[in-house]
């Protein structure tokens, strides 16, 4: 149980990346972030802690033998 409202709430191992800003009854803002499985998508999520802006980054393997 949360006793205080967080600024950021992560949900890991989700089917896909998604994010939303939610405003609570007290006027507080929460950034919700659904983070997919890295092993399946190669995606990570960067969060600017001052603005709560989110950027999705995809990491892949470069195969130069092709």
Protein backbone atom coordinates (compact mmCIF):
# COMPACT_ATOMS: atom_id res chain seq x y z
CA UNK A 1 0.00 0.00 0.00
CA UNK A 2 1.32 3.45 -0.91
CA UNK A 3 0.88 6.11 1.74
CA UNK A 4 2.11 8.95 -0.48
CA UNK A 5 1.59 9.58 -4.17
CA UNK A 6 4.74 8.80 -6.22
CA UNK A 7 5.97 11.04 -9.05
CA UNK A 8 6.75 8.00 -11.23
CA UNK A 9 5.22 4.52 -11.27
CA UNK A 10 6.84 1.74 -13.35
CA UNK A 11 5.14 -1.48 -14.46
CA UNK A 12 7.73 -3.93 -15.81
CA UNK A 13 7.47 -6.93 -18.14
CA UNK A 14 4.59 -5.39 -20.06
CA UNK A 15 3.65 -6.46 -23.63
CA UNK A 16 4.67 -3.03 -25.03
CA UNK A 17 5.95 0.40 -24.05
CA UNK A 18 3.37 2.99 -23.05
CA UNK A 19 3.24 6.05 -20.83
CA UNK A 20 0.69 8.52 -19.50
CA UNK A 21 0.49 11.45 -17.12
CA UNK A 22 -2.26 11.08 -14.53
CA UNK A 23 -3.49 13.87 -12.28
CA UNK A 24 -4.68 12.84 -8.83
CA UNK A 25 -7.52 14.29 -6.78
CA UNK A 26 -5.06 16.46 -4.85
CA UNK A 27 -3.59 17.97 -8.03
CA UNK A 28 -0.48 15.77 -7.93
CA UNK A 29 0.94 14.44 -11.20
CA UNK A 30 2.11 10.85 -11.69
CA UNK A 31 3.99 9.57 -14.74
CA UNK A 32 2.89 5.97 -15.44
CA UNK A 33 5.37 3.94 -17.51
CA UNK A 34 4.83 0.45 -18.92
CA UNK A 35 8.24 -1.10 -19.65
CA UNK A 36 8.42 -4.11 -22.00
CA UNK A 37 10.70 -7.12 -21.51
CA UNK A 38 14.19 -6.10 -22.63
CA UNK A 39 15.11 -9.62 -23.77
CA UNK A 40 12.18 -9.63 -26.21
CA UNK A 41 12.17 -5.99 -27.42
CA UNK A 42 15.65 -4.57 -26.78
CA UNK A 43 13.92 -1.45 -25.41
CA UNK A 44 14.90 0.65 -22.41
CA UNK A 45 13.17 3.75 -21.04
CA UNK A 46 14.95 6.97 -20.06
CA UNK A 47 13.17 9.38 -17.70
CA UNK A 48 14.09 13.03 -17.16
CA UNK A 49 13.66 13.36 -13.40
CA UNK A 50 13.04 17.12 -13.56
CA UNK A 51 10.38 17.20 -16.29
CA UNK A 52 9.12 13.57 -16.14
CA UNK A 53 9.54 13.40 -19.94
CA UNK A 54 10.15 9.87 -21.23
CA UNK A 55 12.24 8.57 -24.12
CA UNK A 56 12.22 5.02 -25.44
CA UNK A 57 15.56 3.66 -26.71
CA UNK A 58 15.93 0.46 -28.72
CA UNK A 59 19.22 -1.40 -28.51
CA UNK A 60 20.12 -3.84 -31.25
CA UNK A 61 23.06 -5.94 -32.34
CA UNK A 62 24.94 -4.88 -35.45
CA UNK A 63 26.09 -7.83 -37.54
CA UNK A 64 28.76 -6.58 -39.95
CA UNK A 65 29.35 -10.02 -41.49
CA UNK A 66 26.38 -9.69 -43.84
